N, C-alpha and C. Protein backbone atom coordinates (compact mmCIF):
# COMPACT_ATOMS: atom_id res chain seq x y z
N UNK A 1 187.72 82.87 54.61
CA UNK A 1 186.55 82.09 54.53
C UNK A 1 186.20 81.77 53.08
N UNK A 2 185.79 80.61 53.00
CA UNK A 2 185.57 80.11 51.67
C UNK A 2 184.08 79.80 51.48
N UNK A 3 183.58 80.21 50.37
CA UNK A 3 182.17 79.94 50.04
C UNK A 3 182.14 78.88 48.95
N UNK A 4 181.58 77.79 49.27
CA UNK A 4 181.48 76.74 48.27
C UNK A 4 180.02 76.32 48.13
N UNK A 5 179.75 75.29 47.41
CA UNK A 5 178.39 74.85 47.12
C UNK A 5 177.70 74.31 48.36
N UNK A 6 178.44 73.76 49.30
CA UNK A 6 177.84 73.26 50.53
C UNK A 6 177.19 74.39 51.30
N UNK A 7 177.84 75.50 51.31
CA UNK A 7 177.30 76.65 52.03
C UNK A 7 175.99 77.09 51.39
N UNK A 8 175.94 77.17 50.08
CA UNK A 8 174.74 77.60 49.37
C UNK A 8 173.64 76.56 49.57
N UNK A 9 173.97 75.27 49.52
CA UNK A 9 172.97 74.23 49.74
C UNK A 9 172.43 74.34 51.17
N UNK A 10 173.28 74.62 52.12
CA UNK A 10 172.85 74.79 53.52
C UNK A 10 171.91 75.97 53.66
N UNK A 11 172.21 77.07 52.98
CA UNK A 11 171.34 78.26 53.06
C UNK A 11 169.99 77.93 52.42
N UNK A 12 170.01 77.29 51.27
CA UNK A 12 168.76 76.95 50.59
C UNK A 12 167.98 75.95 51.45
N UNK A 13 168.65 74.98 52.06
CA UNK A 13 167.99 74.01 52.93
C UNK A 13 167.36 74.72 54.14
N UNK A 14 168.11 75.65 54.68
CA UNK A 14 167.59 76.38 55.84
C UNK A 14 166.34 77.18 55.45
N UNK A 15 166.36 77.84 54.30
CA UNK A 15 165.21 78.64 53.85
C UNK A 15 164.02 77.72 53.59
N UNK A 16 164.26 76.58 52.92
CA UNK A 16 163.18 75.63 52.65
C UNK A 16 162.64 75.10 53.99
N UNK A 17 163.54 74.75 54.90
CA UNK A 17 163.12 74.27 56.23
C UNK A 17 162.28 75.32 56.95
N UNK A 18 162.69 76.58 56.88
CA UNK A 18 161.96 77.66 57.53
C UNK A 18 160.58 77.82 56.90
N UNK A 19 160.49 77.74 55.57
CA UNK A 19 159.20 77.87 54.90
C UNK A 19 158.28 76.70 55.27
N UNK A 20 158.84 75.49 55.27
CA UNK A 20 158.05 74.31 55.62
C UNK A 20 157.59 74.40 57.07
N UNK A 21 158.47 74.76 57.97
CA UNK A 21 158.12 74.91 59.40
C UNK A 21 157.07 76.00 59.58
N UNK A 22 157.21 77.06 58.82
CA UNK A 22 156.24 78.14 58.89
C UNK A 22 154.88 77.63 58.48
N UNK A 23 154.79 76.86 57.40
CA UNK A 23 153.51 76.34 56.93
C UNK A 23 152.96 75.26 57.86
N UNK A 24 153.79 74.40 58.33
CA UNK A 24 153.34 73.25 59.11
C UNK A 24 153.12 73.61 60.57
N UNK A 25 154.01 74.36 61.16
CA UNK A 25 153.97 74.55 62.61
C UNK A 25 153.60 75.97 63.01
N UNK A 26 154.27 76.96 62.52
CA UNK A 26 154.09 78.32 63.01
C UNK A 26 152.74 78.92 62.67
N UNK A 27 152.27 78.75 61.42
CA UNK A 27 150.98 79.33 61.03
C UNK A 27 149.82 78.70 61.81
N UNK A 28 149.74 77.37 61.95
CA UNK A 28 148.64 76.81 62.75
C UNK A 28 148.68 77.28 64.22
N UNK A 29 149.88 77.35 64.78
CA UNK A 29 149.99 77.82 66.17
C UNK A 29 149.59 79.29 66.26
N UNK A 30 150.01 80.08 65.28
CA UNK A 30 149.64 81.51 65.26
C UNK A 30 148.13 81.65 65.11
N UNK A 31 147.52 80.79 64.26
CA UNK A 31 146.06 80.83 64.09
C UNK A 31 145.35 80.45 65.39
N UNK A 32 145.85 79.43 66.07
CA UNK A 32 145.25 79.02 67.35
C UNK A 32 145.36 80.14 68.38
N UNK A 33 146.53 80.76 68.46
CA UNK A 33 146.73 81.89 69.40
C UNK A 33 145.80 83.03 69.05
N UNK A 34 145.67 83.33 67.75
CA UNK A 34 144.80 84.42 67.31
C UNK A 34 143.33 84.11 67.65
N UNK A 35 142.91 82.86 67.40
CA UNK A 35 141.53 82.47 67.73
C UNK A 35 141.28 82.57 69.24
N UNK A 36 142.24 82.16 70.03
CA UNK A 36 142.08 82.25 71.49
C UNK A 36 142.01 83.70 71.94
N UNK A 37 142.86 84.54 71.39
CA UNK A 37 142.81 85.97 71.73
C UNK A 37 141.45 86.56 71.36
N UNK A 38 140.96 86.17 70.16
CA UNK A 38 139.66 86.66 69.71
C UNK A 38 138.57 86.17 70.67
N UNK A 39 138.62 84.90 71.05
CA UNK A 39 137.63 84.35 71.97
C UNK A 39 137.71 85.04 73.33
N UNK A 40 138.91 85.27 73.83
CA UNK A 40 139.09 85.96 75.13
C UNK A 40 138.55 87.38 75.05
N UNK A 41 138.86 88.09 73.98
CA UNK A 41 138.36 89.47 73.82
C UNK A 41 136.84 89.49 73.71
N UNK A 42 136.29 88.53 72.98
CA UNK A 42 134.83 88.45 72.84
C UNK A 42 134.18 88.16 74.19
N UNK A 43 134.75 87.21 74.93
CA UNK A 43 134.22 86.91 76.26
C UNK A 43 134.34 88.10 77.20
N UNK A 44 135.43 88.84 77.10
CA UNK A 44 135.62 90.03 77.94
C UNK A 44 134.56 91.08 77.60
N UNK A 45 134.31 91.27 76.29
CA UNK A 45 133.29 92.24 75.87
C UNK A 45 131.90 91.79 76.33
N UNK A 46 131.60 90.49 76.20
CA UNK A 46 130.31 89.97 76.67
C UNK A 46 130.17 90.15 78.18
N UNK A 47 131.25 89.93 78.90
CA UNK A 47 131.21 90.11 80.36
C UNK A 47 130.98 91.58 80.70
N UNK A 48 131.61 92.48 79.96
CA UNK A 48 131.41 93.92 80.22
C UNK A 48 129.97 94.32 79.93
N UNK A 49 129.41 93.80 78.82
CA UNK A 49 128.01 94.09 78.48
C UNK A 49 127.08 93.53 79.55
N UNK A 50 127.35 92.30 79.98
CA UNK A 50 126.53 91.68 81.02
C UNK A 50 126.63 92.45 82.33
N UNK A 51 127.83 92.93 82.64
CA UNK A 51 128.01 93.72 83.86
C UNK A 51 127.21 95.01 83.78
N UNK A 52 127.23 95.66 82.61
CA UNK A 52 126.45 96.89 82.43
C UNK A 52 124.96 96.62 82.56
N UNK A 53 124.50 95.50 81.95
CA UNK A 53 123.08 95.16 82.06
C UNK A 53 122.71 94.86 83.50
N UNK A 54 123.58 94.13 84.19
CA UNK A 54 123.32 93.80 85.59
C UNK A 54 123.26 95.06 86.44
N UNK A 55 124.18 95.98 86.19
CA UNK A 55 124.19 97.24 86.93
C UNK A 55 122.90 98.02 86.66
N UNK A 56 122.48 98.03 85.40
CA UNK A 56 121.23 98.73 85.06
C UNK A 56 120.04 98.07 85.74
N UNK A 57 120.03 96.74 85.77
CA UNK A 57 118.92 96.03 86.42
C UNK A 57 118.91 96.33 87.91
N UNK A 58 120.08 96.29 88.56
CA UNK A 58 120.14 96.59 89.99
C UNK A 58 119.73 98.03 90.27
N UNK A 59 120.15 98.94 89.43
CA UNK A 59 119.77 100.34 89.62
C UNK A 59 118.27 100.50 89.47
N UNK A 60 117.70 99.87 88.44
CA UNK A 60 116.26 99.93 88.23
C UNK A 60 115.51 99.32 89.40
N UNK A 61 116.01 98.18 89.89
CA UNK A 61 115.38 97.52 91.03
C UNK A 61 115.43 98.41 92.27
N UNK A 62 116.59 99.03 92.51
CA UNK A 62 116.72 99.91 93.68
C UNK A 62 115.79 101.11 93.57
N UNK A 63 115.68 101.67 92.35
CA UNK A 63 114.76 102.80 92.15
C UNK A 63 113.33 102.38 92.40
N UNK A 64 112.96 101.21 91.88
CA UNK A 64 111.59 100.73 92.08
C UNK A 64 111.31 100.45 93.55
N UNK A 65 112.29 99.87 94.25
CA UNK A 65 112.11 99.61 95.68
C UNK A 65 111.96 100.92 96.45
N UNK A 66 112.79 101.90 96.11
CA UNK A 66 112.70 103.20 96.79
C UNK A 66 111.35 103.85 96.52
N UNK A 67 110.91 103.79 95.26
CA UNK A 67 109.62 104.39 94.90
C UNK A 67 108.49 103.66 95.61
N UNK A 68 108.57 102.34 95.65
CA UNK A 68 107.53 101.55 96.32
C UNK A 68 107.50 101.87 97.81
N UNK A 69 108.67 101.98 98.42
CA UNK A 69 108.73 102.31 99.85
C UNK A 69 108.14 103.69 100.10
N UNK A 70 108.48 104.66 99.23
CA UNK A 70 107.92 106.00 99.39
C UNK A 70 106.40 105.99 99.19
N UNK A 71 105.94 105.25 98.18
CA UNK A 71 104.50 105.14 97.94
C UNK A 71 103.79 104.49 99.13
N UNK A 72 104.42 103.45 99.69
CA UNK A 72 103.84 102.78 100.86
C UNK A 72 103.75 103.72 102.05
N UNK A 73 104.81 104.50 102.27
CA UNK A 73 104.78 105.46 103.39
C UNK A 73 103.69 106.49 103.17
N UNK A 74 103.59 106.98 101.93
CA UNK A 74 102.58 107.98 101.62
C UNK A 74 101.18 107.40 101.81
N UNK A 75 100.97 106.19 101.28
CA UNK A 75 99.66 105.54 101.40
C UNK A 75 99.33 105.27 102.86
N UNK A 76 100.32 104.82 103.63
CA UNK A 76 100.10 104.56 105.05
C UNK A 76 99.73 105.85 105.77
N UNK A 77 100.44 106.93 105.46
CA UNK A 77 100.13 108.22 106.09
C UNK A 77 98.73 108.69 105.72
N UNK A 78 98.36 108.52 104.44
CA UNK A 78 97.01 108.92 104.01
C UNK A 78 95.95 108.10 104.73
N UNK A 79 96.17 106.79 104.80
CA UNK A 79 95.18 105.92 105.45
C UNK A 79 95.10 106.21 106.95
N UNK A 80 96.25 106.51 107.58
CA UNK A 80 96.23 106.86 109.00
C UNK A 80 95.46 108.17 109.21
N UNK A 81 95.71 109.16 108.34
CA UNK A 81 95.00 110.43 108.46
C UNK A 81 93.50 110.21 108.24
N UNK A 82 93.18 109.38 107.25
CA UNK A 82 91.77 109.07 106.97
C UNK A 82 91.12 108.38 108.17
N UNK A 83 91.84 107.42 108.75
CA UNK A 83 91.31 106.70 109.91
C UNK A 83 91.15 107.65 111.10
N UNK A 84 92.13 108.54 111.31
CA UNK A 84 92.04 109.50 112.41
C UNK A 84 90.86 110.44 112.21
N UNK A 85 90.66 110.91 110.97
CA UNK A 85 89.52 111.79 110.68
C UNK A 85 88.21 111.05 110.90
N UNK A 86 88.16 109.79 110.46
CA UNK A 86 86.94 109.00 110.64
C UNK A 86 86.66 108.81 112.13
N UNK A 87 87.72 108.48 112.89
CA UNK A 87 87.54 108.30 114.33
C UNK A 87 87.11 109.62 114.99
N UNK A 88 87.70 110.71 114.56
CA UNK A 88 87.34 112.03 115.11
C UNK A 88 85.88 112.35 114.79
N UNK A 89 85.48 112.08 113.54
CA UNK A 89 84.09 112.34 113.15
C UNK A 89 83.13 111.46 113.94
N UNK A 90 83.47 110.19 114.10
CA UNK A 90 82.61 109.28 114.88
C UNK A 90 82.52 109.74 116.33
N UNK A 91 83.66 110.16 116.88
CA UNK A 91 83.67 110.64 118.27
C UNK A 91 82.81 111.88 118.41
N UNK A 92 82.97 112.81 117.47
CA UNK A 92 82.17 114.05 117.51
C UNK A 92 80.70 113.72 117.36
N UNK A 93 80.39 112.82 116.43
CA UNK A 93 79.00 112.42 116.23
C UNK A 93 78.43 111.75 117.49
N UNK A 94 79.21 110.91 118.12
CA UNK A 94 78.76 110.24 119.34
C UNK A 94 78.55 111.25 120.46
N UNK A 95 79.46 112.22 120.57
CA UNK A 95 79.30 113.26 121.59
C UNK A 95 78.03 114.07 121.34
N UNK A 96 77.80 114.41 120.07
CA UNK A 96 76.60 115.18 119.74
C UNK A 96 75.34 114.37 120.04
N UNK A 97 75.38 113.09 119.68
CA UNK A 97 74.21 112.24 119.96
C UNK A 97 73.97 112.11 121.46
N UNK A 98 75.05 111.89 122.21
CA UNK A 98 74.87 111.75 123.66
C UNK A 98 74.43 113.07 124.28
N UNK A 99 74.95 114.20 123.78
CA UNK A 99 74.52 115.51 124.29
C UNK A 99 73.04 115.74 123.97
N UNK A 100 72.64 115.36 122.76
CA UNK A 100 71.23 115.51 122.38
C UNK A 100 70.35 114.61 123.25
N UNK A 101 70.80 113.38 123.49
CA UNK A 101 70.02 112.47 124.33
C UNK A 101 69.95 112.98 125.77
N UNK A 102 71.06 113.52 126.27
CA UNK A 102 71.07 114.08 127.64
C UNK A 102 70.13 115.26 127.72
N UNK A 103 70.20 116.16 126.70
CA UNK A 103 69.32 117.33 126.71
C UNK A 103 67.86 116.91 126.61
N UNK A 104 67.58 115.90 125.77
CA UNK A 104 66.22 115.40 125.65
C UNK A 104 65.74 114.78 126.96
N UNK A 105 66.65 114.01 127.59
CA UNK A 105 66.28 113.41 128.87
C UNK A 105 66.03 114.49 129.91
N UNK A 106 66.89 115.52 129.93
CA UNK A 106 66.68 116.63 130.88
C UNK A 106 65.34 117.31 130.62
N UNK A 107 65.06 117.53 129.35
CA UNK A 107 63.80 118.18 128.99
C UNK A 107 62.62 117.32 129.42
N UNK A 108 62.72 116.01 129.17
CA UNK A 108 61.65 115.11 129.59
C UNK A 108 61.49 115.11 131.10
N UNK A 109 62.62 115.07 131.79
CA UNK A 109 62.56 115.09 133.26
C UNK A 109 61.95 116.39 133.75
N UNK A 110 62.37 117.50 133.14
CA UNK A 110 61.82 118.79 133.56
C UNK A 110 60.32 118.86 133.28
N UNK A 111 59.91 118.41 132.10
CA UNK A 111 58.47 118.40 131.77
C UNK A 111 57.71 117.50 132.72
N UNK A 112 58.25 116.33 132.98
CA UNK A 112 57.60 115.40 133.90
C UNK A 112 57.54 116.00 135.29
N UNK A 113 58.63 116.69 135.66
CA UNK A 113 58.67 117.33 136.98
C UNK A 113 57.59 118.41 137.09
N UNK A 114 57.45 119.20 136.04
CA UNK A 114 56.43 120.25 136.04
C UNK A 114 55.03 119.63 136.12
N UNK A 115 54.83 118.56 135.34
CA UNK A 115 53.52 117.89 135.36
C UNK A 115 53.25 117.36 136.77
N UNK A 116 54.26 116.71 137.37
CA UNK A 116 54.06 116.16 138.71
C UNK A 116 53.87 117.28 139.74
N UNK A 117 54.62 118.38 139.60
CA UNK A 117 54.43 119.52 140.52
C UNK A 117 53.01 120.07 140.41
N UNK A 118 52.52 120.24 139.18
CA UNK A 118 51.15 120.74 139.01
C UNK A 118 50.14 119.76 139.59
N UNK A 119 50.39 118.49 139.38
CA UNK A 119 49.50 117.46 139.91
C UNK A 119 49.54 117.48 141.43
N UNK A 120 50.76 117.63 141.97
CA UNK A 120 50.88 117.68 143.44
C UNK A 120 50.22 118.93 144.01
N UNK A 121 50.36 120.04 143.29
CA UNK A 121 49.71 121.27 143.78
C UNK A 121 48.19 121.08 143.82
N UNK A 122 47.67 120.44 142.77
CA UNK A 122 46.23 120.17 142.74
C UNK A 122 45.84 119.24 143.88
N UNK A 123 46.61 118.24 144.16
CA UNK A 123 46.32 117.30 145.23
C UNK A 123 46.50 117.97 146.58
N UNK A 124 47.51 118.88 146.66
CA UNK A 124 47.72 119.58 147.93
C UNK A 124 46.50 120.45 148.22
N UNK A 125 46.03 121.14 147.19
CA UNK A 125 44.84 121.96 147.38
C UNK A 125 43.65 121.08 147.79
N UNK A 126 43.51 119.97 147.17
CA UNK A 126 42.43 119.03 147.46
C UNK A 126 42.55 118.50 148.89
N UNK A 127 43.80 118.13 149.26
CA UNK A 127 44.04 117.64 150.61
C UNK A 127 43.79 118.74 151.65
N UNK A 128 44.22 119.94 151.30
CA UNK A 128 44.00 121.06 152.22
C UNK A 128 42.51 121.28 152.40
N UNK A 129 41.74 121.20 151.33
CA UNK A 129 40.29 121.36 151.43
C UNK A 129 39.69 120.23 152.26
N UNK A 130 40.13 119.03 152.04
CA UNK A 130 39.64 117.89 152.80
C UNK A 130 39.99 118.05 154.29
N UNK A 131 41.20 118.46 154.55
CA UNK A 131 41.63 118.62 155.94
C UNK A 131 40.81 119.74 156.60
N UNK A 132 40.68 120.86 155.88
CA UNK A 132 39.93 121.96 156.50
C UNK A 132 38.46 121.57 156.69
N UNK A 133 37.89 120.76 155.78
CA UNK A 133 36.51 120.34 155.94
C UNK A 133 36.40 119.42 157.11
N UNK A 134 37.30 118.51 157.29
CA UNK A 134 37.27 117.61 158.40
C UNK A 134 37.50 118.34 159.70
N UNK A 135 38.44 119.30 159.68
CA UNK A 135 38.72 120.02 160.91
C UNK A 135 37.51 120.91 161.24
N UNK A 136 36.90 121.53 160.32
CA UNK A 136 35.77 122.39 160.58
C UNK A 136 34.52 121.57 160.88
N UNK A 137 34.41 120.45 160.26
CA UNK A 137 33.23 119.61 160.49
C UNK A 137 33.34 118.91 161.81
N UNK A 138 34.41 118.64 162.33
CA UNK A 138 34.56 117.93 163.57
C UNK A 138 34.53 118.89 164.76
N UNK A 139 34.86 119.99 164.56
CA UNK A 139 34.89 120.92 165.67
C UNK A 139 33.60 121.23 166.21
């Protein structure tokens, strides 16, 4: 094999061609690929952050819903107990009032009965006297 000036010129041409191609074609393409990788990585990181925020929001929402449901159940139970106690108190009060009214009515009836019995006894005595006077006077 023979090395002559054509071979050296070809090597120098190839090196110059490679340097020119590197500057003109390879570096811009490498920069574009690098920018795209950076953009993809940034978007992936943003998506991961957004996913974490979304998960936190959903977790917070679920906790608030659970707490609200528990509070509603507790409040409903308290209000039901309060309503039951109020109804029980009203029923007891109504029973006491009706018992008092019945006892008062019984007392009034008994007093009136005694008054009428005494009045009738007085009239019976009067009638008996009238009858005996008429029977004795007519005989």
